[in-house]
Amino acid sequence: MDLVGIYLREAFEGEGCPICRILQRFEEGEIGTILYEHVNDPAVRERFKASLGLCPYHAWRLFEIASSNPLYGGLGVAIIYEHMLRTYLKSFNEATGEGRCHLCSLVEEKERLIVTAIAERMDELLPVYRNSRAVLCKRHYELLLGELEKRNPAFVDQLKETRRKKLENLRNLLERFIENSDYRSERGPSVEESRAIRFSIEALKGLPLGINITNFDAKAKGRKRGIRLGWKV
């Protein structure tokens, strides 16, 4: 197995959606790079101008990470958004749209590369996935399935069956959690049963990443009906 394969294997040996978790680390790493290296980088700042900084999700993640780390503090965010306010005020009386978020573009490209790399190494990764507690989220399962159909179709049915069994296991754990939450239960829910709540949500919705939230929001707008989720920060 090559270095990329080893990196992916480690992700598949963990819990939850391995792709979401790789992207979460990448997203946080890129925000750290912006705050530590790119605050005064003219080229990066020009990309920020298109979306007046970053999309709502990544703008608040930038603020949260900067605020929680004394190494960054608020200076970098202040410099970026002073520039963005100055840019906005120059066209204050004009109706202008917002362009693509720079960080969203980076994460989506990373996601595409990861899905492709997994599909190409499915013969090595599927046994690891099958025997681990990892469960691909719905989005990444469907993306990987589409890539396998093009690149490695022999593994399509095996991936489907593996996912079905993993979801059935989660459902069984939730069922036991409900049963053992009853006051008549002698033991109460186990740790594994309790953790299944989080992993069941993750299996269907993924982690709260920009790609998951913005893609949901775009679909909601296209339907013209349904309930919009509110994301508190």
C-alpha atoms as a PDB file:
ATOM      1  CA  MET A   1       0.000   0.000   0.000  1.00  0.00           C
ATOM      2  CA  ASP A   2       1.384   3.431  -0.961  1.00  0.00           C
ATOM      3  CA  LEU A   3       1.561   6.453   1.361  1.00  0.00           C
ATOM      4  CA  VAL A   4      -1.849   7.742   0.266  1.00  0.00           C
ATOM      5  CA  GLY A   5      -3.307   4.300   0.878  1.00  0.00           C
ATOM      6  CA  ILE A   6      -1.798   4.164   4.371  1.00  0.00           C
ATOM      7  CA  TYR A   7      -3.275   7.595   5.148  1.00  0.00           C
ATOM      8  CA  LEU A   8      -6.706   6.461   3.934  1.00  0.00           C
ATOM      9  CA  ARG A   9      -6.439   3.152   5.781  1.00  0.00           C
ATOM     10  CA  GLU A  10      -5.904   5.012   9.060  1.00  0.00           C
ATOM     11  CA  ALA A  11      -9.064   7.037   8.388  1.00  0.00           C
ATOM     12  CA  PHE A  12     -11.074   3.887   7.645  1.00  0.00           C
ATOM     13  CA  GLU A  13      -9.848   2.238  10.844  1.00  0.00           C
ATOM     14  CA  GLY A  14     -11.513   4.978  12.893  1.00  0.00           C
ATOM     15  CA  GLU A  15     -15.155   5.800  13.649  1.00  0.00           C
ATOM     16  CA  GLY A  16     -17.769   7.816  11.802  1.00  0.00           C
ATOM     17  CA  CYS A  17     -17.414   8.946   8.199  1.00  0.00           C
ATOM     18  CA  PRO A  18     -13.711   8.682   7.250  1.00  0.00           C
ATOM     19  CA  ILE A  19     -14.040  11.203   4.413  1.00  0.00           C
ATOM     20  CA  CYS A  20     -15.821  13.779   6.581  1.00  0.00           C
ATOM     21  CA  ARG A  21     -13.111  13.420   9.206  1.00  0.00           C
ATOM     22  CA  ILE A  22     -10.286  13.875   6.696  1.00  0.00           C
ATOM     23  CA  LEU A  23     -12.047  16.968   5.357  1.00  0.00           C
ATOM     24  CA  GLN A  24     -12.622  18.319   8.856  1.00  0.00           C
ATOM     25  CA  ARG A  25      -8.869  18.167   9.569  1.00  0.00           C
ATOM     26  CA  PHE A  26      -8.113  19.688   6.164  1.00  0.00           C
ATOM     27  CA  GLU A  27     -10.631  22.505   6.660  1.00  0.00           C
ATOM     28  CA  GLU A  28      -9.249  23.390  10.093  1.00  0.00           C
ATOM     29  CA  GLY A  29      -5.695  23.185   8.763  1.00  0.00           C
ATOM     30  CA  GLU A  30      -6.498  25.568   5.900  1.00  0.00           C
ATOM     31  CA  ILE A  31      -8.109  28.049   8.299  1.00  0.00           C
ATOM     32  CA  GLY A  32      -4.975  27.869  10.446  1.00  0.00           C
ATOM     33  CA  THR A  33      -2.841  28.519   7.356  1.00  0.00           C
ATOM     34  CA  ILE A  34      -4.969  31.536   6.418  1.00  0.00           C
ATOM     35  CA  LEU A  35      -4.614  33.009   9.903  1.00  0.00           C
ATOM     36  CA  TYR A  36      -0.919  32.202  10.283  1.00  0.00           C
ATOM     37  CA  GLU A  37       0.436  32.840   6.777  1.00  0.00           C
ATOM     38  CA  HIS A  38      -2.091  34.427   4.405  1.00  0.00           C
ATOM     39  CA  VAL A  39      -3.663  37.359   6.246  1.00  0.00           C
ATOM     40  CA  ASN A  40      -1.474  39.804   4.319  1.00  0.00           C
ATOM     41  CA  ASP A  41      -1.052  37.707   1.173  1.00  0.00           C
ATOM     42  CA  PRO A  42      -2.386  39.913  -1.674  1.00  0.00           C
ATOM     43  CA  ALA A  43      -3.304  36.962  -3.915  1.00  0.00           C
ATOM     44  CA  VAL A  44      -5.321  35.217  -1.201  1.00  0.00           C
ATOM     45  CA  ARG A  45      -6.982  38.470  -0.147  1.00  0.00           C
ATOM     46  CA  GLU A  46      -8.091  39.024  -3.758  1.00  0.00           C
ATOM     47  CA  ARG A  47      -9.813  35.612  -3.682  1.00  0.00           C
ATOM     48  CA  PHE A  48     -11.518  36.637  -0.443  1.00  0.00           C
ATOM     49  CA  LYS A  49     -12.965  39.752  -2.080  1.00  0.00           C
ATOM     50  CA  ALA A  50     -15.182  37.706  -4.407  1.00  0.00           C
ATOM     51  CA  SER A  51     -17.225  36.399  -1.461  1.00  0.00           C
ATOM     52  CA  LEU A  52     -16.539  39.290   0.958  1.00  0.00           C
ATOM     53  CA  GLY A  53     -14.248  37.124   3.047  1.00  0.00           C
ATOM     54  CA  LEU A  54     -15.643  33.606   3.160  1.00  0.00           C
ATOM     55  CA  CYS A  55     -19.081  31.985   3.027  1.00  0.00           C
ATOM     56  CA  PRO A  56     -21.154  32.359   6.249  1.00  0.00           C
ATOM     57  CA  TYR A  57     -20.142  28.918   7.522  1.00  0.00           C
ATOM     58  CA  HIS A  58     -16.389  29.370   6.948  1.00  0.00           C
ATOM     59  CA  ALA A  59     -16.414  32.993   8.128  1.00  0.00           C
ATOM     60  CA  TRP A  60     -17.734  31.873  11.515  1.00  0.00           C
ATOM     61  CA  ARG A  61     -15.346  28.910  11.651  1.00  0.00           C
ATOM     62  CA  LEU A  62     -12.484  31.345  10.965  1.00  0.00           C
ATOM     63  CA  PHE A  63     -13.693  33.519  13.842  1.00  0.00           C
ATOM     64  CA  GLU A  64     -14.181  30.566  16.215  1.00  0.00           C
ATOM     65  CA  ILE A  65     -10.759  29.044  15.541  1.00  0.00           C
ATOM     66  CA  ALA A  66      -9.011  32.415  15.824  1.00  0.00           C
ATOM     67  CA  SER A  67     -10.859  33.229  19.054  1.00  0.00           C
ATOM     68  CA  SER A  68     -10.061  29.883  20.667  1.00  0.00           C
ATOM     69  CA  ASN A  69      -6.332  29.912  19.890  1.00  0.00           C
ATOM     70  CA  PRO A  70      -4.078  32.529  21.566  1.00  0.00           C
ATOM     71  CA  LEU A  71      -1.545  32.008  18.775  1.00  0.00           C
ATOM     72  CA  TYR A  72      -3.977  33.601  16.313  1.00  0.00           C
ATOM     73  CA  GLY A  73      -6.162  35.970  18.335  1.00  0.00           C
ATOM     74  CA  GLY A  74      -8.430  38.456  16.607  1.00  0.00           C
ATOM     75  CA  LEU A  75      -5.856  40.468  14.646  1.00  0.00           C
ATOM     76  CA  GLY A  76      -5.871  38.350  11.493  1.00  0.00           C
ATOM     77  CA  VAL A  77      -9.675  38.269  11.314  1.00  0.00           C
ATOM     78  CA  ALA A  78      -9.790  42.029  11.928  1.00  0.00           C
ATOM     79  CA  ILE A  79      -7.323  42.695   9.078  1.00  0.00           C
ATOM     80  CA  ILE A  80      -9.261  40.474   6.653  1.00  0.00           C
ATOM     81  CA  TYR A  81     -12.664  41.908   7.462  1.00  0.00           C
ATOM     82  CA  GLU A  82     -11.521  45.537   7.583  1.00  0.00           C
ATOM     83  CA  HIS A  83     -10.445  44.975   3.984  1.00  0.00           C
ATOM     84  CA  MET A  84     -13.751  43.303   3.145  1.00  0.00           C
ATOM     85  CA  LEU A  85     -15.784  46.153   4.689  1.00  0.00           C
ATOM     86  CA  ARG A  86     -13.699  48.655   2.751  1.00  0.00           C
ATOM     87  CA  THR A  87     -14.391  46.687  -0.434  1.00  0.00           C
ATOM     88  CA  TYR A  88     -18.110  46.504   0.298  1.00  0.00           C
ATOM     89  CA  LEU A  89     -18.379  50.229   1.094  1.00  0.00           C
ATOM     90  CA  LYS A  90     -16.837  51.136  -2.255  1.00  0.00           C
ATOM     91  CA  SER A  91     -19.858  49.587  -3.999  1.00  0.00           C
ATOM     92  CA  PHE A  92     -22.360  50.314  -1.233  1.00  0.00           C
ATOM     93  CA  ASN A  93     -25.035  51.751  -3.526  1.00  0.00           C
ATOM     94  CA  GLU A  94     -24.693  49.027  -6.142  1.00  0.00           C
ATOM     95  CA  ALA A  95     -26.509  45.681  -6.173  1.00  0.00           C
ATOM     96  CA  THR A  96     -23.749  43.072  -6.218  1.00  0.00           C
ATOM     97  CA  GLY A  97     -23.753  39.314  -5.782  1.00  0.00           C
ATOM     98  CA  GLU A  98     -21.173  37.231  -3.973  1.00  0.00           C
ATOM     99  CA  GLY A  99     -18.755  34.866  -5.648  1.00  0.00           C
ATOM    100  CA  ARG A 100     -17.507  31.450  -4.693  1.00  0.00           C
ATOM    101  CA  CYS A 101     -15.980  31.006  -1.228  1.00  0.00           C
ATOM    102  CA  HIS A 102     -12.240  30.355  -1.533  1.00  0.00           C
ATOM    103  CA  LEU A 103     -12.239  27.762   1.253  1.00  0.00           C
ATOM    104  CA  CYS A 104     -15.322  25.945  -0.092  1.00  0.00           C
ATOM    105  CA  SER A 105     -13.481  25.530  -3.405  1.00  0.00           C
ATOM    106  CA  LEU A 106     -10.400  24.101  -1.662  1.00  0.00           C
ATOM    107  CA  VAL A 107     -12.423  21.634   0.426  1.00  0.00           C
ATOM    108  CA  GLU A 108     -14.492  20.444  -2.540  1.00  0.00           C
ATOM    109  CA  GLU A 109     -11.341  19.825  -4.576  1.00  0.00           C
ATOM    110  CA  LYS A 110      -9.852  17.892  -1.640  1.00  0.00           C
ATOM    111  CA  GLU A 111     -13.074  15.889  -1.380  1.00  0.00           C
ATOM    112  CA  ARG A 112     -12.935  14.996  -5.075  1.00  0.00           C
ATOM    113  CA  LEU A 113      -9.316  13.820  -4.788  1.00  0.00           C
ATOM    114  CA  ILE A 114     -10.063  11.713  -1.694  1.00  0.00           C
ATOM    115  CA  VAL A 115     -13.075   9.990  -3.245  1.00  0.00           C
ATOM    116  CA  THR A 116     -11.068   9.188  -6.376  1.00  0.00           C
ATOM    117  CA  ALA A 117      -8.150   7.859  -4.332  1.00  0.00           C
ATOM    118  CA  ILE A 118     -10.440   5.592  -2.305  1.00  0.00           C
ATOM    119  CA  ALA A 119     -12.149   4.233  -5.410  1.00  0.00           C
ATOM    120  CA  GLU A 120      -8.762   3.359  -6.920  1.00  0.00           C
ATOM    121  CA  ARG A 121      -7.715   1.485  -3.747  1.00  0.00           C
ATOM    122  CA  MET A 122     -11.015  -0.172  -2.890  1.00  0.00           C
ATOM    123  CA  ASP A 123      -9.543  -3.667  -3.019  1.00  0.00           C
ATOM    124  CA  GLU A 124      -7.280  -2.740  -0.080  1.00  0.00           C
ATOM    125  CA  LEU A 125      -9.658  -0.445   1.794  1.00  0.00           C
ATOM    126  CA  LEU A 126     -12.927  -2.372   1.640  1.00  0.00           C
ATOM    127  CA  PRO A 127     -11.811  -5.139   4.056  1.00  0.00           C
ATOM    128  CA  VAL A 128     -10.607  -2.459   6.498  1.00  0.00           C
ATOM    129  CA  TYR A 129     -13.899  -0.598   6.195  1.00  0.00           C
ATOM    130  CA  ARG A 130     -15.952  -3.764   6.577  1.00  0.00           C
ATOM    131  CA  ASN A 131     -14.247  -4.649   9.875  1.00  0.00           C
ATOM    132  CA  SER A 132     -14.107  -1.162  11.400  1.00  0.00           C
ATOM    133  CA  ARG A 133     -16.611   1.116  13.154  1.00  0.00           C
ATOM    134  CA  ALA A 134     -16.396   3.619  10.322  1.00  0.00           C
ATOM    135  CA  VAL A 135     -19.638   4.409   8.478  1.00  0.00           C
ATOM    136  CA  LEU A 136     -19.564   6.592   5.372  1.00  0.00           C
ATOM    137  CA  CYS A 137     -22.105   9.400   5.489  1.00  0.00           C
ATOM    138  CA  LYS A 138     -24.844   9.369   2.843  1.00  0.00           C
ATOM    139  CA  ARG A 139     -23.170  12.070   0.751  1.00  0.00           C
ATOM    140  CA  HIS A 140     -19.770  10.406   0.656  1.00  0.00           C
ATOM    141  CA  TYR A 141     -21.198   6.935   0.188  1.00  0.00           C
ATOM    142  CA  GLU A 142     -23.073   8.161  -2.905  1.00  0.00           C
ATOM    143  CA  LEU A 143     -20.043  10.031  -4.263  1.00  0.00           C
ATOM    144  CA  LEU A 144     -17.844   6.966  -3.763  1.00  0.00           C
ATOM    145  CA  LEU A 145     -20.456   4.688  -5.322  1.00  0.00           C
ATOM    146  CA  GLY A 146     -20.572   6.906  -8.413  1.00  0.00           C
ATOM    147  CA  GLU A 147     -16.784   6.877  -8.671  1.00  0.00           C
ATOM    148  CA  LEU A 148     -16.640   3.089  -8.266  1.00  0.00           C
ATOM    149  CA  GLU A 149     -19.157   2.637 -11.062  1.00  0.00           C
ATOM    150  CA  LYS A 150     -16.701   4.443 -13.357  1.00  0.00           C
ATOM    151  CA  ARG A 151     -13.372   3.154 -12.034  1.00  0.00           C
ATOM    152  CA  ASN A 152     -13.866  -0.075 -10.087  1.00  0.00           C
ATOM    153  CA  PRO A 153     -17.361  -1.518 -10.692  1.00  0.00           C
ATOM    154  CA  ALA A 154     -16.497  -4.920  -9.221  1.00  0.00           C
ATOM    155  CA  PHE A 155     -16.765  -3.398  -5.734  1.00  0.00           C
ATOM    156  CA  VAL A 156     -20.103  -1.594  -6.132  1.00  0.00           C
ATOM    157  CA  ASP A 157     -22.298  -4.377  -4.754  1.00  0.00           C
ATOM    158  CA  GLN A 158     -19.825  -5.154  -1.954  1.00  0.00           C
ATOM    159  CA  LEU A 159     -19.840  -1.536  -0.821  1.00  0.00           C
ATOM    160  CA  LYS A 160     -23.651  -1.448  -0.906  1.00  0.00           C
ATOM    161  CA  GLU A 161     -23.914  -4.580   1.217  1.00  0.00           C
ATOM    162  CA  THR A 162     -21.298  -3.359   3.680  1.00  0.00           C
ATOM    163  CA  ARG A 163     -23.150  -0.076   4.155  1.00  0.00           C
ATOM    164  CA  ARG A 164     -26.488  -1.814   4.593  1.00  0.00           C
ATOM    165  CA  LYS A 165     -25.067  -4.016   7.369  1.00  0.00           C
ATOM    166  CA  LYS A 166     -23.436  -1.063   9.109  1.00  0.00           C
ATOM    167  CA  LEU A 167     -26.681   0.932   9.046  1.00  0.00           C
ATOM    168  CA  GLU A 168     -28.640  -2.055  10.331  1.00  0.00           C
ATOM    169  CA  ASN A 169     -26.160  -2.373  13.186  1.00  0.00           C
ATOM    170  CA  LEU A 170     -26.626   1.305  14.072  1.00  0.00           C
ATOM    171  CA  ARG A 171     -30.403   0.919  13.968  1.00  0.00           C
ATOM    172  CA  ASN A 172     -30.188  -2.105  16.268  1.00  0.00           C
ATOM    173  CA  LEU A 173     -28.028  -0.162  18.707  1.00  0.00           C
ATOM    174  CA  LEU A 174     -30.541   2.711  18.732  1.00  0.00           C
ATOM    175  CA  GLU A 175     -33.361   0.237  19.287  1.00  0.00           C
ATOM    176  CA  ARG A 176     -31.508  -1.195  22.293  1.00  0.00           C
ATOM    177  CA  PHE A 177     -30.757   2.309  23.563  1.00  0.00           C
ATOM    178  CA  ILE A 178     -34.490   3.095  23.485  1.00  0.00           C
ATOM    179  CA  GLU A 179     -35.373  -0.174  25.212  1.00  0.00           C
ATOM    180  CA  ASN A 180     -32.710   0.232  27.882  1.00  0.00           C
ATOM    181  CA  SER A 181     -33.688   3.859  28.537  1.00  0.00           C
ATOM    182  CA  ASP A 182     -36.984   2.569  29.926  1.00  0.00           C
ATOM    183  CA  TYR A 183     -37.178   2.877  33.715  1.00  0.00           C
ATOM    184  CA  ARG A 184     -37.842  -0.854  33.902  1.00  0.00           C
ATOM    185  CA  SER A 185     -34.491  -1.674  32.323  1.00  0.00           C
ATOM    186  CA  GLU A 186     -32.089  -3.326  34.734  1.00  0.00           C
ATOM    187  CA  ARG A 187     -28.881  -1.970  33.230  1.00  0.00           C
ATOM    188  CA  GLY A 188     -29.618   1.183  31.232  1.00  0.00           C
ATOM    189  CA  PRO A 189     -28.037   2.029  27.838  1.00  0.00           C
ATOM    190  CA  SER A 190     -24.446   0.947  27.225  1.00  0.00           C
ATOM    191  CA  VAL A 191     -21.719   3.329  26.054  1.00  0.00           C
ATOM    192  CA  GLU A 192     -21.876   1.798  22.574  1.00  0.00           C
ATOM    193  CA  GLU A 193     -25.651   2.237  22.415  1.00  0.00           C
ATOM    194  CA  SER A 194     -25.365   5.854  23.543  1.00  0.00           C
ATOM    195  CA  ARG A 195     -22.640   6.636  20.994  1.00  0.00           C
ATOM    196  CA  ALA A 196     -24.832   5.202  18.237  1.00  0.00           C
ATOM    197  CA  ILE A 197     -27.008   8.330  18.409  1.00  0.00           C
ATOM    198  CA  ARG A 198     -24.161  10.537  17.195  1.00  0.00           C
ATOM    199  CA  PHE A 199     -22.926   8.044  14.613  1.00  0.00           C
ATOM    200  CA  SER A 200     -26.440   7.550  13.205  1.00  0.00           C
ATOM    201  CA  ILE A 201     -26.764  11.282  12.583  1.00  0.00           C
ATOM    202  CA  GLU A 202     -23.301  11.312  11.038  1.00  0.00           C
ATOM    203  CA  ALA A 203     -24.157   8.327   8.803  1.00  0.00           C
ATOM    204  CA  LEU A 204     -27.061  10.255   7.293  1.00  0.00           C
ATOM    205  CA  LYS A 205     -25.948  13.904   7.458  1.00  0.00           C
ATOM    206  CA  GLY A 206     -22.164  13.819   7.814  1.00  0.00           C
ATOM    207  CA  LEU A 207     -20.175  16.135  10.069  1.00  0.00           C
ATOM    208  CA  PRO A 208     -21.042  19.864  10.221  1.00  0.00           C
ATOM    209  CA  LEU A 209     -18.685  20.871   7.408  1.00  0.00           C
ATOM    210  CA  GLY A 210     -19.122  23.621   4.846  1.00  0.00           C
ATOM    211  CA  ILE A 211     -19.657  21.134   2.008  1.00  0.00           C
ATOM    212  CA  ASN A 212     -22.458  19.371   3.889  1.00  0.00           C
ATOM    213  CA  ILE A 213     -24.208  22.550   5.027  1.00  0.00           C
ATOM    214  CA  THR A 214     -23.921  24.544   1.805  1.00  0.00           C
ATOM    215  CA  ASN A 215     -25.014  21.587  -0.326  1.00  0.00           C
ATOM    216  CA  PHE A 216     -28.045  21.076   1.895  1.00  0.00           C
ATOM    217  CA  ASP A 217     -28.874  24.786   1.671  1.00  0.00           C
ATOM    218  CA  ALA A 218     -28.648  24.766  -2.129  1.00  0.00           C
ATOM    219  CA  LYS A 219     -31.018  21.801  -2.364  1.00  0.00           C
ATOM    220  CA  ALA A 220     -33.459  23.480   0.005  1.00  0.00           C
ATOM    221  CA  LYS A 221     -33.597  26.591  -2.181  1.00  0.00           C
ATOM    222  CA  GLY A 222     -34.218  24.501  -5.285  1.00  0.00           C
ATOM    223  CA  ARG A 223     -37.231  22.728  -3.795  1.00  0.00           C
ATOM    224  CA  LYS A 224     -39.097  25.950  -2.916  1.00  0.00           C
ATOM    225  CA  ARG A 225     -40.624  24.152   0.032  1.00  0.00           C
ATOM    226  CA  GLY A 226     -39.656  22.250   3.184  1.00  0.00           C
ATOM    227  CA  ILE A 227     -37.984  23.350   6.386  1.00  0.00           C
ATOM    228  CA  ARG A 228     -34.763  25.349   6.436  1.00  0.00           C
ATOM    229  CA  LEU A 229     -32.345  24.344   9.168  1.00  0.00           C
ATOM    230  CA  GLY A 230     -31.056  27.150  11.354  1.00  0.00           C
ATOM    231  CA  TRP A 231     -27.366  26.966  12.214  1.00  0.00           C
ATOM    232  CA  LYS A 232     -26.530  28.788  15.423  1.00  0.00           C
ATOM    233  CA  VAL A 233     -23.041  30.175  15.982  1.00  0.00           C
END
